[in-house]
Amino acid sequence: MTVMHRATNDWTVADLENLPNDGLQYELIDGVLIVSPAPIPLHQRAVGKLFTVLNSGCPPELEVFFAPLDFQPNFRTSVQPDVLVVRVADLGEKNLTVAPLLAVEVLSPSTRRKDLVLKRSVYQDAGVAAYWVFDPDEPSFRAWELREGQYTEAGFAAGKEKLTLNNPYPVTICPNGIITRQLQL
């Protein structure tokens, strides 16, 4: 279960340095500490498949990563997209302070609200050009693109349907293929 902690003094990204490396996921959204449990195997399978699909077509000036890699758009916010695509030139030594081109979240019961509401707002406000959400329960895949500062839906696919997206580069996703043990595009 994801837990949100509100302190009398707002948390900052510097405060994260003092937290234990205990397998939990620590994120900050507007100074509020959010602690999530380690992901389950289905979640990790989906993350691995999405990474593989994105990495297979990634141009050389971009790079694909998976959590944990902190995106810190300001001193009160630090989030870890499940998968992200960044410009190689934007990489810092320790974390990412420049908006990634793409953030991808895999939903789970404990992160659904955080991913669909809180993190979507963080990514939109930070200027992340594309935001994708994969729901392994349906399975389904939904994508948004940033237009004039707001996310608009760029595509949706469920089950065996295929969805081709072009932002940040051409990728075809089949939701059923993401949750099976064998990669199916």
C-alpha atoms as a PDB file:
ATOM      1  CA  MET A   1       0.000   0.000   0.000  1.00  0.00           C
ATOM      2  CA  THR A   2       1.257   3.478  -0.876  1.00  0.00           C
ATOM      3  CA  VAL A   3       1.479   5.847   2.085  1.00  0.00           C
ATOM      4  CA  MET A   4       1.638   9.642   1.930  1.00  0.00           C
ATOM      5  CA  HIS A   5       3.442  11.434   4.784  1.00  0.00           C
ATOM      6  CA  ARG A   6       2.841  15.109   5.414  1.00  0.00           C
ATOM      7  CA  ALA A   7       5.391  16.739   7.692  1.00  0.00           C
ATOM      8  CA  THR A   8       5.133  20.075   9.458  1.00  0.00           C
ATOM      9  CA  ASN A   9       8.117  21.167   7.390  1.00  0.00           C
ATOM     10  CA  ASP A  10       7.863  20.299   3.712  1.00  0.00           C
ATOM     11  CA  TRP A  11      10.187  17.585   2.485  1.00  0.00           C
ATOM     12  CA  THR A  12      12.811  18.502  -0.106  1.00  0.00           C
ATOM     13  CA  VAL A  13      14.919  16.429  -2.459  1.00  0.00           C
ATOM     14  CA  ALA A  14      17.835  16.929  -0.052  1.00  0.00           C
ATOM     15  CA  ASP A  15      15.837  15.111   2.656  1.00  0.00           C
ATOM     16  CA  LEU A  16      15.690  12.010   0.450  1.00  0.00           C
ATOM     17  CA  GLU A  17      19.444  11.521   0.934  1.00  0.00           C
ATOM     18  CA  ASN A  18      18.798  10.590   4.585  1.00  0.00           C
ATOM     19  CA  LEU A  19      16.221   7.877   3.885  1.00  0.00           C
ATOM     20  CA  PRO A  20      17.231   4.203   4.037  1.00  0.00           C
ATOM     21  CA  ASN A  21      17.934   2.092   0.979  1.00  0.00           C
ATOM     22  CA  ASP A  22      15.400  -0.525   2.087  1.00  0.00           C
ATOM     23  CA  GLY A  23      13.633  -1.628  -1.095  1.00  0.00           C
ATOM     24  CA  LEU A  24      10.781   0.851  -0.706  1.00  0.00           C
ATOM     25  CA  GLN A  25      10.184   3.586  -3.266  1.00  0.00           C
ATOM     26  CA  TYR A  26      10.437   7.113  -1.865  1.00  0.00           C
ATOM     27  CA  GLU A  27       9.016   9.940  -3.961  1.00  0.00           C
ATOM     28  CA  LEU A  28       8.149  13.572  -3.250  1.00  0.00           C
ATOM     29  CA  ILE A  29       5.286  15.455  -4.815  1.00  0.00           C
ATOM     30  CA  ASP A  30       4.998  19.099  -3.803  1.00  0.00           C
ATOM     31  CA  GLY A  31       6.863  18.447  -0.554  1.00  0.00           C
ATOM     32  CA  VAL A  32       4.775  15.413   0.447  1.00  0.00           C
ATOM     33  CA  LEU A  33       6.699  12.166   0.956  1.00  0.00           C
ATOM     34  CA  ILE A  34       5.078   9.167  -0.742  1.00  0.00           C
ATOM     35  CA  VAL A  35       6.310   5.691   0.191  1.00  0.00           C
ATOM     36  CA  SER A  36       5.385   2.715  -2.000  1.00  0.00           C
ATOM     37  CA  PRO A  37       6.182  -0.976  -1.525  1.00  0.00           C
ATOM     38  CA  ALA A  38       8.449  -2.956  -3.817  1.00  0.00           C
ATOM     39  CA  PRO A  39       6.629  -3.900  -7.037  1.00  0.00           C
ATOM     40  CA  ILE A  40       5.164  -7.351  -7.690  1.00  0.00           C
ATOM     41  CA  PRO A  41       6.433  -9.683 -10.464  1.00  0.00           C
ATOM     42  CA  LEU A  42       3.639  -8.766 -12.938  1.00  0.00           C
ATOM     43  CA  HIS A  43       4.568  -5.093 -12.594  1.00  0.00           C
ATOM     44  CA  GLN A  44       8.252  -5.831 -13.123  1.00  0.00           C
ATOM     45  CA  ARG A  45       7.508  -8.032 -16.150  1.00  0.00           C
ATOM     46  CA  ALA A  46       5.559  -5.156 -17.723  1.00  0.00           C
ATOM     47  CA  VAL A  47       8.341  -2.672 -16.938  1.00  0.00           C
ATOM     48  CA  GLY A  48      10.906  -5.001 -18.505  1.00  0.00           C
ATOM     49  CA  LYS A  49       8.832  -5.534 -21.644  1.00  0.00           C
ATOM     50  CA  LEU A  50       8.137  -1.812 -22.058  1.00  0.00           C
ATOM     51  CA  PHE A  51      11.843  -1.086 -21.618  1.00  0.00           C
ATOM     52  CA  THR A  52      12.681  -3.722 -24.253  1.00  0.00           C
ATOM     53  CA  VAL A  53      10.153  -2.364 -26.756  1.00  0.00           C
ATOM     54  CA  LEU A  54      11.302   1.226 -26.255  1.00  0.00           C
ATOM     55  CA  ASN A  55      14.996   0.360 -26.243  1.00  0.00           C
ATOM     56  CA  SER A  56      14.764  -1.613 -29.506  1.00  0.00           C
ATOM     57  CA  GLY A  57      13.878   1.487 -31.520  1.00  0.00           C
ATOM     58  CA  CYS A  58      15.696   4.134 -29.500  1.00  0.00           C
ATOM     59  CA  PRO A  59      17.768   6.560 -31.591  1.00  0.00           C
ATOM     60  CA  PRO A  60      21.391   7.128 -30.470  1.00  0.00           C
ATOM     61  CA  GLU A  61      20.801  10.629 -29.073  1.00  0.00           C
ATOM     62  CA  LEU A  62      18.205   9.247 -26.635  1.00  0.00           C
ATOM     63  CA  GLU A  63      18.394   6.643 -23.880  1.00  0.00           C
ATOM     64  CA  VAL A  64      15.794   4.479 -22.138  1.00  0.00           C
ATOM     65  CA  PHE A  65      15.917   3.933 -18.366  1.00  0.00           C
ATOM     66  CA  PHE A  66      13.771   2.201 -15.758  1.00  0.00           C
ATOM     67  CA  ALA A  67      13.222   2.964 -12.079  1.00  0.00           C
ATOM     68  CA  PRO A  68      14.823   3.834  -9.872  1.00  0.00           C
ATOM     69  CA  LEU A  69      16.035   6.999 -11.597  1.00  0.00           C
ATOM     70  CA  ASP A  70      14.870  10.201  -9.938  1.00  0.00           C
ATOM     71  CA  PHE A  71      13.339  12.966 -12.025  1.00  0.00           C
ATOM     72  CA  GLN A  72      13.543  16.118  -9.916  1.00  0.00           C
ATOM     73  CA  PRO A  73      11.834  19.033 -11.670  1.00  0.00           C
ATOM     74  CA  ASN A  74      12.140  21.212  -8.536  1.00  0.00           C
ATOM     75  CA  PHE A  75      13.462  21.023  -4.965  1.00  0.00           C
ATOM     76  CA  ARG A  76      10.109  19.762  -3.587  1.00  0.00           C
ATOM     77  CA  THR A  77       9.403  17.069  -6.180  1.00  0.00           C
ATOM     78  CA  SER A  78      11.244  13.844  -6.974  1.00  0.00           C
ATOM     79  CA  VAL A  79       9.506  11.030  -8.844  1.00  0.00           C
ATOM     80  CA  GLN A  80      10.660   7.737 -10.335  1.00  0.00           C
ATOM     81  CA  PRO A  81       8.879   6.884 -13.590  1.00  0.00           C
ATOM     82  CA  ASP A  82       8.755   3.130 -14.185  1.00  0.00           C
ATOM     83  CA  VAL A  83      10.309   3.698 -17.623  1.00  0.00           C
ATOM     84  CA  LEU A  84      11.546   6.937 -19.157  1.00  0.00           C
ATOM     85  CA  VAL A  85      13.214   8.196 -22.309  1.00  0.00           C
ATOM     86  CA  VAL A  86      15.700  11.044 -22.013  1.00  0.00           C
ATOM     87  CA  ARG A  87      18.085  12.961 -24.197  1.00  0.00           C
ATOM     88  CA  VAL A  88      21.610  11.704 -23.498  1.00  0.00           C
ATOM     89  CA  ALA A  89      22.718  15.348 -23.303  1.00  0.00           C
ATOM     90  CA  ASP A  90      20.251  15.975 -20.428  1.00  0.00           C
ATOM     91  CA  LEU A  91      21.606  13.269 -18.125  1.00  0.00           C
ATOM     92  CA  GLY A  92      23.109  14.397 -14.851  1.00  0.00           C
ATOM     93  CA  GLU A  93      25.577  12.448 -12.757  1.00  0.00           C
ATOM     94  CA  LYS A  94      23.020  11.408 -10.158  1.00  0.00           C
ATOM     95  CA  ASN A  95      19.480  12.259 -11.268  1.00  0.00           C
ATOM     96  CA  LEU A  96      17.480  13.984 -13.957  1.00  0.00           C
ATOM     97  CA  THR A  97      16.445  17.624 -13.531  1.00  0.00           C
ATOM     98  CA  VAL A  98      15.442  18.222 -17.165  1.00  0.00           C
ATOM     99  CA  ALA A  99      12.070  16.834 -18.250  1.00  0.00           C
ATOM    100  CA  PRO A 100      12.312  13.443 -19.929  1.00  0.00           C
ATOM    101  CA  LEU A 101      10.755  13.141 -23.380  1.00  0.00           C
ATOM    102  CA  LEU A 102       8.602  10.253 -22.163  1.00  0.00           C
ATOM    103  CA  ALA A 103       7.481   8.954 -18.771  1.00  0.00           C
ATOM    104  CA  VAL A 104       5.759   5.565 -18.499  1.00  0.00           C
ATOM    105  CA  GLU A 105       3.938   4.207 -15.447  1.00  0.00           C
ATOM    106  CA  VAL A 106       2.668   0.668 -14.891  1.00  0.00           C
ATOM    107  CA  LEU A 107      -0.441   0.755 -12.713  1.00  0.00           C
ATOM    108  CA  SER A 108      -0.860  -1.360  -9.616  1.00  0.00           C
ATOM    109  CA  PRO A 109      -3.560  -1.249  -6.935  1.00  0.00           C
ATOM    110  CA  SER A 110      -1.246   0.649  -4.589  1.00  0.00           C
ATOM    111  CA  THR A 111      -0.132   3.250  -7.167  1.00  0.00           C
ATOM    112  CA  ARG A 112      -3.212   3.776  -9.375  1.00  0.00           C
ATOM    113  CA  ARG A 113      -4.274   7.160  -7.938  1.00  0.00           C
ATOM    114  CA  LYS A 114      -0.693   8.375  -7.647  1.00  0.00           C
ATOM    115  CA  ASP A 115       0.071   7.455 -11.271  1.00  0.00           C
ATOM    116  CA  LEU A 116      -3.174   8.657 -12.874  1.00  0.00           C
ATOM    117  CA  VAL A 117      -3.590  11.896 -10.942  1.00  0.00           C
ATOM    118  CA  LEU A 118      -0.541  13.063  -8.995  1.00  0.00           C
ATOM    119  CA  LYS A 119       2.278  11.963 -11.282  1.00  0.00           C
ATOM    120  CA  ARG A 120       0.362  12.872 -14.427  1.00  0.00           C
ATOM    121  CA  SER A 121       0.076  16.408 -13.046  1.00  0.00           C
ATOM    122  CA  VAL A 122       3.790  16.487 -12.160  1.00  0.00           C
ATOM    123  CA  TYR A 123       4.778  15.347 -15.645  1.00  0.00           C
ATOM    124  CA  GLN A 124       2.408  17.779 -17.352  1.00  0.00           C
ATOM    125  CA  ASP A 125       3.570  20.746 -15.253  1.00  0.00           C
ATOM    126  CA  ALA A 126       7.235  19.818 -15.794  1.00  0.00           C
ATOM    127  CA  GLY A 127       6.828  19.690 -19.575  1.00  0.00           C
ATOM    128  CA  VAL A 128       7.238  15.936 -20.155  1.00  0.00           C
ATOM    129  CA  ALA A 129       6.245  15.665 -23.831  1.00  0.00           C
ATOM    130  CA  ALA A 130       4.577  12.238 -23.622  1.00  0.00           C
ATOM    131  CA  TYR A 131       3.030  10.236 -20.781  1.00  0.00           C
ATOM    132  CA  TRP A 132       2.025   6.591 -21.132  1.00  0.00           C
ATOM    133  CA  VAL A 133       0.167   4.385 -18.652  1.00  0.00           C
ATOM    134  CA  PHE A 134      -0.045   0.608 -18.856  1.00  0.00           C
ATOM    135  CA  ASP A 135      -2.728  -1.216 -16.858  1.00  0.00           C
ATOM    136  CA  PRO A 136      -1.798  -4.912 -16.564  1.00  0.00           C
ATOM    137  CA  ASP A 137      -5.192  -5.817 -15.086  1.00  0.00           C
ATOM    138  CA  GLU A 138      -7.183  -5.108 -18.291  1.00  0.00           C
ATOM    139  CA  PRO A 139      -4.581  -5.149 -20.019  1.00  0.00           C
ATOM    140  CA  SER A 140      -4.681  -1.717 -21.635  1.00  0.00           C
ATOM    141  CA  PHE A 141      -2.387   1.060 -22.692  1.00  0.00           C
ATOM    142  CA  ARG A 142      -3.174   4.784 -22.791  1.00  0.00           C
ATOM    143  CA  ALA A 143      -0.941   7.577 -24.090  1.00  0.00           C
ATOM    144  CA  TRP A 144      -1.063  11.342 -23.782  1.00  0.00           C
ATOM    145  CA  GLU A 145       0.970  14.054 -25.507  1.00  0.00           C
ATOM    146  CA  LEU A 146       1.631  17.549 -24.238  1.00  0.00           C
ATOM    147  CA  ARG A 147      -0.046  20.208 -26.382  1.00  0.00           C
ATOM    148  CA  GLU A 148      -0.095  23.841 -25.295  1.00  0.00           C
ATOM    149  CA  GLY A 149       0.798  22.848 -21.735  1.00  0.00           C
ATOM    150  CA  GLN A 150      -1.969  20.228 -21.364  1.00  0.00           C
ATOM    151  CA  TYR A 151      -2.052  16.486 -21.933  1.00  0.00           C
ATOM    152  CA  THR A 152      -4.364  15.313 -24.693  1.00  0.00           C
ATOM    153  CA  GLU A 153      -5.007  11.656 -25.417  1.00  0.00           C
ATOM    154  CA  ALA A 154      -2.757  10.339 -28.181  1.00  0.00           C
ATOM    155  CA  GLY A 155      -4.011   6.764 -28.216  1.00  0.00           C
ATOM    156  CA  PHE A 156      -5.581   3.810 -26.437  1.00  0.00           C
ATOM    157  CA  ALA A 157      -5.361   0.051 -26.961  1.00  0.00           C
ATOM    158  CA  ALA A 158      -6.686  -2.923 -25.002  1.00  0.00           C
ATOM    159  CA  GLY A 159      -6.093  -6.657 -25.204  1.00  0.00           C
ATOM    160  CA  LYS A 160      -4.782  -7.731 -28.607  1.00  0.00           C
ATOM    161  CA  GLU A 161      -5.158  -4.293 -30.210  1.00  0.00           C
ATOM    162  CA  LYS A 162      -1.980  -2.619 -31.406  1.00  0.00           C
ATOM    163  CA  LEU A 163      -1.167   1.024 -30.900  1.00  0.00           C
ATOM    164  CA  THR A 164       1.532   2.884 -32.814  1.00  0.00           C
ATOM    165  CA  LEU A 165       2.846   6.078 -31.267  1.00  0.00           C
ATOM    166  CA  ASN A 166       5.405   8.493 -32.706  1.00  0.00           C
ATOM    167  CA  ASN A 167       6.427  10.528 -29.678  1.00  0.00           C
ATOM    168  CA  PRO A 168       9.318  10.443 -28.828  1.00  0.00           C
ATOM    169  CA  TYR A 169       9.948   8.020 -31.743  1.00  0.00           C
ATOM    170  CA  PRO A 170       7.847   5.371 -33.537  1.00  0.00           C
ATOM    171  CA  VAL A 171       6.838   2.478 -31.247  1.00  0.00           C
ATOM    172  CA  THR A 172       4.100  -0.152 -31.574  1.00  0.00           C
ATOM    173  CA  ILE A 173       2.580  -1.597 -28.385  1.00  0.00           C
ATOM    174  CA  CYS A 174       0.214  -4.548 -27.900  1.00  0.00           C
ATOM    175  CA  PRO A 175      -1.109  -4.662 -24.302  1.00  0.00           C
ATOM    176  CA  ASN A 176      -1.462  -8.468 -24.256  1.00  0.00           C
ATOM    177  CA  GLY A 177       2.146  -8.768 -25.416  1.00  0.00           C
ATOM    178  CA  ILE A 178       3.364  -6.733 -22.463  1.00  0.00           C
ATOM    179  CA  ILE A 179       1.995  -9.075 -19.800  1.00  0.00           C
ATOM    180  CA  THR A 180       2.858 -12.434 -21.376  1.00  0.00           C
ATOM    181  CA  ARG A 181       6.110 -14.162 -20.498  1.00  0.00           C
ATOM    182  CA  GLN A 182       7.238 -14.044 -24.146  1.00  0.00           C
ATOM    183  CA  LEU A 183       7.598 -10.676 -25.879  1.00  0.00           C
ATOM    184  CA  GLN A 184       4.848 -10.174 -28.457  1.00  0.00           C
ATOM    185  CA  LEU A 185       4.699  -6.912 -30.387  1.00  0.00           C
END
